[in-house]
PDB file of N, CA and C in Angstrom:
ATOM      1  N   UNK A   1     -20.734 -22.699   2.882  1.00  0.00           N
ATOM      2  CA  UNK A   1     -20.101 -21.991   2.066  1.00  0.00           C
ATOM      3  C   UNK A   1     -21.384 -21.426   1.382  1.00  0.00           C
ATOM      4  N   UNK A   2     -20.893 -20.136   0.984  1.00  0.00           N
ATOM      5  CA  UNK A   2     -22.381 -19.448   0.618  1.00  0.00           C
ATOM      6  C   UNK A   2     -22.622 -19.464  -0.760  1.00  0.00           C
ATOM      7  N   UNK A   3     -24.150 -19.096  -1.022  1.00  0.00           N
ATOM      8  CA  UNK A   3     -24.895 -19.254  -2.158  1.00  0.00           C
ATOM      9  C   UNK A   3     -24.926 -18.251  -3.340  1.00  0.00           C
ATOM     10  N   UNK A   4     -24.605 -17.186  -3.011  1.00  0.00           N
ATOM     11  CA  UNK A   4     -24.517 -15.894  -3.527  1.00  0.00           C
ATOM     12  C   UNK A   4     -23.105 -14.863  -3.018  1.00  0.00           C
ATOM     13  N   UNK A   5     -22.333 -14.157  -3.777  1.00  0.00           N
ATOM     14  CA  UNK A   5     -21.257 -13.028  -3.479  1.00  0.00           C
ATOM     15  C   UNK A   5     -21.845 -12.515  -2.339  1.00  0.00           C
ATOM     16  N   UNK A   6     -23.285 -12.224  -1.901  1.00  0.00           N
ATOM     17  CA  UNK A   6     -23.917 -11.253  -0.999  1.00  0.00           C
ATOM     18  C   UNK A   6     -23.790 -12.241   0.506  1.00  0.00           C
ATOM     19  N   UNK A   7     -23.985 -13.710   0.487  1.00  0.00           N
ATOM     20  CA  UNK A   7     -23.954 -14.471   1.143  1.00  0.00           C
ATOM     21  C   UNK A   7     -22.407 -14.485   1.932  1.00  0.00           C
ATOM     22  N   UNK A   8     -21.172 -14.499   0.695  1.00  0.00           N
ATOM     23  CA  UNK A   8     -20.331 -15.047   0.903  1.00  0.00           C
ATOM     24  C   UNK A   8     -19.307 -13.296   1.903  1.00  0.00           C
ATOM     25  N   UNK A   9     -19.689 -12.229   1.374  1.00  0.00           N
ATOM     26  CA  UNK A   9     -19.562 -11.224   1.907  1.00  0.00           C
ATOM     27  C   UNK A   9     -20.313 -11.338   3.426  1.00  0.00           C
ATOM     28  N   UNK A  10     -21.378 -11.680   3.663  1.00  0.00           N
ATOM     29  CA  UNK A  10     -21.981 -11.630   5.420  1.00  0.00           C
ATOM     30  C   UNK A  10     -21.430 -12.567   6.011  1.00  0.00           C
ATOM     31  N   UNK A  11     -20.825 -13.580   5.351  1.00  0.00           N
ATOM     32  CA  UNK A  11     -20.040 -14.591   6.368  1.00  0.00           C
ATOM     33  C   UNK A  11     -18.672 -13.828   6.692  1.00  0.00           C
ATOM     34  N   UNK A  12     -17.963 -13.251   5.776  1.00  0.00           N
ATOM     35  CA  UNK A  12     -16.627 -12.398   6.206  1.00  0.00           C
ATOM     36  C   UNK A  12     -16.565 -11.392   7.137  1.00  0.00           C
ATOM     37  N   UNK A  13     -17.761 -10.626   6.778  1.00  0.00           N
ATOM     38  CA  UNK A  13     -18.352  -9.929   7.912  1.00  0.00           C
ATOM     39  C   UNK A  13     -18.575 -10.172   9.291  1.00  0.00           C
ATOM     40  N   UNK A  14     -19.335 -11.188   9.379  1.00  0.00           N
ATOM     41  CA  UNK A  14     -19.624 -11.900  10.781  1.00  0.00           C
ATOM     42  C   UNK A  14     -18.042 -12.741  11.189  1.00  0.00           C
ATOM     43  N   UNK A  15     -17.449 -13.351  10.169  1.00  0.00           N
ATOM     44  CA  UNK A  15     -16.175 -13.791  10.878  1.00  0.00           C
ATOM     45  C   UNK A  15     -15.307 -12.639  11.377  1.00  0.00           C
ATOM     46  N   UNK A  16     -15.177 -11.460  10.715  1.00  0.00           N
ATOM     47  CA  UNK A  16     -14.058 -10.467  11.035  1.00  0.00           C
ATOM     48  C   UNK A  16     -14.658 -10.007  12.598  1.00  0.00           C
ATOM     49  N   UNK A  17     -15.727  -9.702  12.526  1.00  0.00           N
ATOM     50  CA  UNK A  17     -16.727  -9.197  13.704  1.00  0.00           C
ATOM     51  C   UNK A  17     -16.114 -10.093  14.896  1.00  0.00           C
ATOM     52  N   UNK A  18     -16.689 -11.549  14.412  1.00  0.00           N
ATOM     53  CA  UNK A  18     -15.897 -12.248  15.590  1.00  0.00           C
ATOM     54  C   UNK A  18     -15.035 -12.657  16.142  1.00  0.00           C
ATOM     55  N   UNK A  19     -14.141 -12.148  15.437  1.00  0.00           N
ATOM     56  CA  UNK A  19     -12.468 -12.354  15.568  1.00  0.00           C
ATOM     57  C   UNK A  19     -11.857 -10.695  16.570  1.00  0.00           C
ATOM     58  N   UNK A  20     -12.729  -9.730  15.950  1.00  0.00           N
ATOM     59  CA  UNK A  20     -12.289  -8.549  17.066  1.00  0.00           C
ATOM     60  C   UNK A  20     -12.993  -8.696  18.402  1.00  0.00           C
ATOM     61  N   UNK A  21     -14.197  -9.205  18.556  1.00  0.00           N
ATOM     62  CA  UNK A  21     -14.884  -9.633  19.526  1.00  0.00           C
ATOM     63  C   UNK A  21     -13.968 -10.420  20.300  1.00  0.00           C
ATOM     64  N   UNK A  22     -13.378 -11.281  19.670  1.00  0.00           N
ATOM     65  CA  UNK A  22     -12.634 -12.354  20.912  1.00  0.00           C
ATOM     66  C   UNK A  22     -10.921 -11.692  20.900  1.00  0.00           C
ATOM     67  N   UNK A  23     -10.735 -10.678  20.148  1.00  0.00           N
ATOM     68  CA  UNK A  23      -9.065 -10.163  20.435  1.00  0.00           C
ATOM     69  C   UNK A  23      -9.313  -9.085  21.344  1.00  0.00           C
ATOM     70  N   UNK A  24     -10.658  -8.471  21.694  1.00  0.00           N
ATOM     71  CA  UNK A  24     -10.767  -7.195  22.416  1.00  0.00           C
ATOM     72  C   UNK A  24     -10.836  -8.130  23.999  1.00  0.00           C
ATOM     73  N   UNK A  25     -11.681  -9.304  23.884  1.00  0.00           N
ATOM     74  CA  UNK A  25     -12.901  -9.775  24.851  1.00  0.00           C
ATOM     75  C   UNK A  25     -10.697 -10.495  25.775  1.00  0.00           C
ATOM     76  N   UNK A  26     -10.090 -10.732  25.219  1.00  0.00           N
ATOM     77  CA  UNK A  26      -8.536 -11.425  25.499  1.00  0.00           C
ATOM     78  C   UNK A  26      -7.775 -10.207  25.992  1.00  0.00           C
ATOM     79  N   UNK A  27      -8.314  -9.217  25.366  1.00  0.00           N
ATOM     80  CA  UNK A  27      -7.116  -7.995  26.189  1.00  0.00           C
ATOM     81  C   UNK A  27      -6.092  -7.762  24.952  1.00  0.00           C
ATOM     82  N   UNK A  28      -6.471  -8.018  23.443  1.00  0.00           N
ATOM     83  CA  UNK A  28      -5.439  -7.585  22.293  1.00  0.00           C
ATOM     84  C   UNK A  28      -6.148  -6.174  22.120  1.00  0.00           C
ATOM     85  N   UNK A  29      -5.283  -5.673  21.114  1.00  0.00           N
ATOM     86  CA  UNK A  29      -6.094  -4.431  20.424  1.00  0.00           C
ATOM     87  C   UNK A  29      -5.895  -5.509  18.838  1.00  0.00           C
ATOM     88  N   UNK A  30      -7.189  -4.882  18.293  1.00  0.00           N
ATOM     89  CA  UNK A  30      -7.118  -5.126  16.737  1.00  0.00           C
ATOM     90  C   UNK A  30      -6.696  -4.350  15.766  1.00  0.00           C
ATOM     91  N   UNK A  31      -5.802  -4.725  15.025  1.00  0.00           N
ATOM     92  CA  UNK A  31      -5.501  -4.034  14.047  1.00  0.00           C
ATOM     93  C   UNK A  31      -5.991  -2.833  13.276  1.00  0.00           C
ATOM     94  N   UNK A  32      -5.422  -1.546  13.242  1.00  0.00           N
ATOM     95  CA  UNK A  32      -5.630  -0.533  12.177  1.00  0.00           C
ATOM     96  C   UNK A  32      -5.906  -0.605  11.151  1.00  0.00           C
ATOM     97  N   UNK A  33      -7.395  -0.530  10.756  1.00  0.00           N
ATOM     98  CA  UNK A  33      -7.454  -0.915   8.957  1.00  0.00           C
ATOM     99  C   UNK A  33      -6.299  -0.088   8.270  1.00  0.00           C
ATOM    100  N   UNK A  34      -6.146  -0.302   7.386  1.00  0.00           N
ATOM    101  CA  UNK A  34      -4.678  -0.024   6.383  1.00  0.00           C
ATOM    102  C   UNK A  34      -5.187   1.140   5.609  1.00  0.00           C
ATOM    103  N   UNK A  35      -6.723   1.558   5.636  1.00  0.00           N
ATOM    104  CA  UNK A  35      -7.053   2.697   4.783  1.00  0.00           C
ATOM    105  C   UNK A  35      -7.426   4.009   5.833  1.00  0.00           C
ATOM    106  N   UNK A  36      -7.174   3.484   7.180  1.00  0.00           N
ATOM    107  CA  UNK A  36      -7.397   4.385   7.932  1.00  0.00           C
ATOM    108  C   UNK A  36      -6.079   4.908   8.369  1.00  0.00           C
ATOM    109  N   UNK A  37      -4.742   4.294   8.363  1.00  0.00           N
ATOM    110  CA  UNK A  37      -3.847   4.481   9.360  1.00  0.00           C
ATOM    111  C   UNK A  37      -3.179   5.361   8.633  1.00  0.00           C
ATOM    112  N   UNK A  38      -1.881   6.200   9.374  1.00  0.00           N
ATOM    113  CA  UNK A  38      -1.316   7.116   8.553  1.00  0.00           C
ATOM    114  C   UNK A  38      -0.353   6.923   8.261  1.00  0.00           C
ATOM    115  N   UNK A  39       0.763   7.633   6.626  1.00  0.00           N
ATOM    116  CA  UNK A  39       1.745   7.091   6.654  1.00  0.00           C
ATOM    117  C   UNK A  39       2.688   7.992   6.459  1.00  0.00           C
ATOM    118  N   UNK A  40       4.127   7.436   6.387  1.00  0.00           N
ATOM    119  CA  UNK A  40       5.192   8.879   6.790  1.00  0.00           C
ATOM    120  C   UNK A  40       5.321   9.591   4.796  1.00  0.00           C
ATOM    121  N   UNK A  41       4.930   8.482   4.163  1.00  0.00           N
ATOM    122  CA  UNK A  41       5.331   9.181   2.754  1.00  0.00           C
ATOM    123  C   UNK A  41       6.528   8.634   1.966  1.00  0.00           C
ATOM    124  N   UNK A  42       7.124   8.027   3.244  1.00  0.00           N
ATOM    125  CA  UNK A  42       8.730   7.333   3.137  1.00  0.00           C
ATOM    126  C   UNK A  42       9.017   5.815   2.822  1.00  0.00           C
ATOM    127  N   UNK A  43       9.451   5.605   2.346  1.00  0.00           N
ATOM    128  CA  UNK A  43       9.883   3.801   1.705  1.00  0.00           C
ATOM    129  C   UNK A  43      11.050   3.540   0.918  1.00  0.00           C
ATOM    130  N   UNK A  44      11.579   2.610   1.150  1.00  0.00           N
ATOM    131  CA  UNK A  44      13.238   2.948   0.370  1.00  0.00           C
ATOM    132  C   UNK A  44      12.369   0.740  -1.066  1.00  0.00           C
ATOM    133  N   UNK A  45      13.645   1.418  -1.275  1.00  0.00           N
ATOM    134  CA  UNK A  45      13.374   0.612  -2.966  1.00  0.00           C
ATOM    135  C   UNK A  45      14.699   0.446  -3.554  1.00  0.00           C
ATOM    136  N   UNK A  46      14.733  -1.006  -3.030  1.00  0.00           N
ATOM    137  CA  UNK A  46      16.521  -1.631  -3.925  1.00  0.00           C
ATOM    138  C   UNK A  46      16.461  -1.721  -5.361  1.00  0.00           C
ATOM    139  N   UNK A  47      17.647  -0.917  -5.993  1.00  0.00           N
ATOM    140  CA  UNK A  47      17.148  -1.566  -7.679  1.00  0.00           C
ATOM    141  C   UNK A  47      18.608  -1.490  -7.522  1.00  0.00           C
ATOM    142  N   UNK A  48      18.657  -2.525  -8.932  1.00  0.00           N
ATOM    143  CA  UNK A  48      20.325  -2.458  -9.503  1.00  0.00           C
ATOM    144  C   UNK A  48      21.027  -1.266  -9.707  1.00  0.00           C
ATOM    145  N   UNK A  49      22.201  -1.267  -9.505  1.00  0.00           N
ATOM    146  CA  UNK A  49      23.394  -0.169  -9.574  1.00  0.00           C
ATOM    147  C   UNK A  49      22.922   0.544 -11.434  1.00  0.00           C
ATOM    148  N   UNK A  50      22.431   0.098 -12.356  1.00  0.00           N
ATOM    149  CA  UNK A  50      21.920  -0.083 -13.256  1.00  0.00           C
ATOM    150  C   UNK A  50      20.877   0.914 -13.659  1.00  0.00           C
ATOM    151  N   UNK A  51      19.961   0.541 -13.006  1.00  0.00           N
ATOM    152  CA  UNK A  51      18.489   0.843 -12.732  1.00  0.00           C
ATOM    153  C   UNK A  51      18.676   2.093 -12.376  1.00  0.00           C
ATOM    154  N   UNK A  52      19.583   2.342 -11.385  1.00  0.00           N
ATOM    155  CA  UNK A  52      19.773   3.915 -10.552  1.00  0.00           C
ATOM    156  C   UNK A  52      19.989   4.492 -11.241  1.00  0.00           C
ATOM    157  N   UNK A  53      21.293   4.440 -12.335  1.00  0.00           N
ATOM    158  CA  UNK A  53      21.943   5.082 -12.969  1.00  0.00           C
ATOM    159  C   UNK A  53      21.325   5.721 -14.156  1.00  0.00           C
ATOM    160  N   UNK A  54      19.892   4.630 -14.392  1.00  0.00           N
ATOM    161  CA  UNK A  54      18.960   5.042 -15.705  1.00  0.00           C
ATOM    162  C   UNK A  54      17.866   5.800 -15.225  1.00  0.00           C
ATOM    163  N   UNK A  55      17.550   6.082 -13.845  1.00  0.00           N
ATOM    164  CA  UNK A  55      16.412   7.071 -13.584  1.00  0.00           C
ATOM    165  C   UNK A  55      17.451   8.377 -13.248  1.00  0.00           C
ATOM    166  N   UNK A  56      18.664   8.418 -13.013  1.00  0.00           N
ATOM    167  CA  UNK A  56      19.376   9.904 -12.341  1.00  0.00           C
ATOM    168  C   UNK A  56      19.442  10.010 -13.735  1.00  0.00           C
ATOM    169  N   UNK A  57      19.214   9.406 -14.595  1.00  0.00           N
ATOM    170  CA  UNK A  57      19.781  10.243 -16.279  1.00  0.00           C
ATOM    171  C   UNK A  57      18.653  10.648 -16.311  1.00  0.00           C
ATOM    172  N   UNK A  58      17.572   9.771 -16.788  1.00  0.00           N
ATOM    173  CA  UNK A  58      16.554  10.282 -17.001  1.00  0.00           C
ATOM    174  C   UNK A  58      15.504  11.749 -16.646  1.00  0.00           C
ATOM    175  N   UNK A  59      16.211  11.498 -14.709  1.00  0.00           N
ATOM    176  CA  UNK A  59      15.637  12.633 -14.146  1.00  0.00           C
ATOM    177  C   UNK A  59      16.171  14.256 -14.641  1.00  0.00           C
ATOM    178  N   UNK A  60      17.328  13.700 -14.961  1.00  0.00           N
ATOM    179  CA  UNK A  60      18.278  14.981 -15.190  1.00  0.00           C
ATOM    180  C   UNK A  60      17.802  15.447 -16.576  1.00  0.00           C
ATOM    181  N   UNK A  61      17.734  14.716 -17.230  1.00  0.00           N
ATOM    182  CA  UNK A  61      17.623  14.737 -18.939  1.00  0.00           C
ATOM    183  C   UNK A  61      16.154  15.598 -18.516  1.00  0.00           C
ATOM    184  N   UNK A  62      15.244  15.469 -17.724  1.00  0.00           N
ATOM    185  CA  UNK A  62      13.573  16.091 -17.289  1.00  0.00           C
ATOM    186  C   UNK A  62      13.690  17.547 -16.794  1.00  0.00           C
ATOM    187  N   UNK A  63      15.424  17.234 -16.393  1.00  0.00           N
ATOM    188  CA  UNK A  63      15.540  18.641 -14.903  1.00  0.00           C
ATOM    189  C   UNK A  63      14.369  18.029 -13.627  1.00  0.00           C
ATOM    190  N   UNK A  64      14.222  17.140 -13.295  1.00  0.00           N
ATOM    191  CA  UNK A  64      13.692  16.961 -12.331  1.00  0.00           C
ATOM    192  C   UNK A  64      14.560  16.037 -11.181  1.00  0.00           C
ATOM    193  N   UNK A  65      14.158  16.200  -9.870  1.00  0.00           N
ATOM    194  CA  UNK A  65      14.628  15.269  -9.281  1.00  0.00           C
ATOM    195  C   UNK A  65      14.892  14.032  -9.187  1.00  0.00           C
ATOM    196  N   UNK A  66      15.461  12.878  -8.735  1.00  0.00           N
ATOM    197  CA  UNK A  66      15.059  11.137  -8.961  1.00  0.00           C
ATOM    198  C   UNK A  66      13.571  11.056  -7.974  1.00  0.00           C
ATOM    199  N   UNK A  67      13.931  11.563  -7.019  1.00  0.00           N
ATOM    200  CA  UNK A  67      12.312  11.540  -6.002  1.00  0.00           C
ATOM    201  C   UNK A  67      10.965  11.806  -6.370  1.00  0.00           C
ATOM    202  N   UNK A  68      11.440  12.979  -7.601  1.00  0.00           N
ATOM    203  CA  UNK A  68      10.160  13.439  -8.024  1.00  0.00           C
ATOM    204  C   UNK A  68       9.743  12.477  -9.542  1.00  0.00           C
ATOM    205  N   UNK A  69      10.732  12.004 -10.088  1.00  0.00           N
ATOM    206  CA  UNK A  69      10.582  11.214 -11.045  1.00  0.00           C
ATOM    207  C   UNK A  69      10.056   9.801 -10.440  1.00  0.00           C
ATOM    208  N   UNK A  70      10.710   9.115  -9.475  1.00  0.00           N
ATOM    209  CA  UNK A  70       9.909   8.007  -8.968  1.00  0.00           C
ATOM    210  C   UNK A  70       8.462   8.377  -8.060  1.00  0.00           C
ATOM    211  N   UNK A  71       8.362   9.060  -7.996  1.00  0.00           N
ATOM    212  CA  UNK A  71       6.910   9.722  -7.536  1.00  0.00           C
ATOM    213  C   UNK A  71       5.953   9.513  -8.571  1.00  0.00           C
ATOM    214  N   UNK A  72       6.204  10.224  -9.859  1.00  0.00           N
ATOM    215  CA  UNK A  72       5.505  10.107 -11.315  1.00  0.00           C
ATOM    216  C   UNK A  72       5.475   9.064 -11.381  1.00  0.00           C
ATOM    217  N   UNK A  73       6.605   8.364 -11.486  1.00  0.00           N
ATOM    218  CA  UNK A  73       6.466   7.091 -12.236  1.00  0.00           C
ATOM    219  C   UNK A  73       5.439   5.635 -11.702  1.00  0.00           C
ATOM    220  N   UNK A  74       5.431   5.727 -10.186  1.00  0.00           N
ATOM    221  CA  UNK A  74       4.894   5.238  -8.854  1.00  0.00           C
ATOM    222  C   UNK A  74       3.065   5.396  -9.262  1.00  0.00           C
ATOM    223  N   UNK A  75       3.164   7.337  -9.732  1.00  0.00           N
ATOM    224  CA  UNK A  75       1.705   7.111  -9.783  1.00  0.00           C
ATOM    225  C   UNK A  75       1.002   6.479 -10.798  1.00  0.00           C
ATOM    226  N   UNK A  76       2.232   6.788 -11.862  1.00  0.00           N
ATOM    227  CA  UNK A  76       1.888   6.634 -13.349  1.00  0.00           C
ATOM    228  C   UNK A  76       1.141   7.924 -14.234  1.00  0.00           C
ATOM    229  N   UNK A  77       1.583   8.695 -13.617  1.00  0.00           N
ATOM    230  CA  UNK A  77       1.536  10.004 -14.119  1.00  0.00           C
ATOM    231  C   UNK A  77       2.474  10.351 -15.128  1.00  0.00           C
ATOM    232  N   UNK A  78       2.652  11.805 -15.779  1.00  0.00           N
ATOM    233  CA  UNK A  78       3.829  12.409 -16.902  1.00  0.00           C
ATOM    234  C   UNK A  78       5.039  12.605 -16.046  1.00  0.00           C
ATOM    235  N   UNK A  79       5.752  12.442 -16.926  1.00  0.00           N
ATOM    236  CA  UNK A  79       6.966  12.917 -16.382  1.00  0.00           C
ATOM    237  C   UNK A  79       7.920  11.239 -16.099  1.00  0.00           C
ATOM    238  N   UNK A  80       7.531  10.879 -16.229  1.00  0.00           N
ATOM    239  CA  UNK A  80       7.802   8.969 -16.262  1.00  0.00           C
ATOM    240  C   UNK A  80       8.521   8.288 -17.430  1.00  0.00           C
TER     241      UNK A  80
END
């Protein structure tokens, strides 16, 4: 157990380095870090029909597409 946050971080870094080294030695490819992966920008979200209807009405009232409304709401920006 680490005595400090810096010690804990050092231990986690050492562990991650050891795991990656073992993976490479065993012929495995380590996963790509989430921050450096590329993304399509598409994902499906299932909502109840009532929510779908309410979102479509809100988008229509604001004169935007459902996609634009959902994007703004997910991003926490205006237009939601």
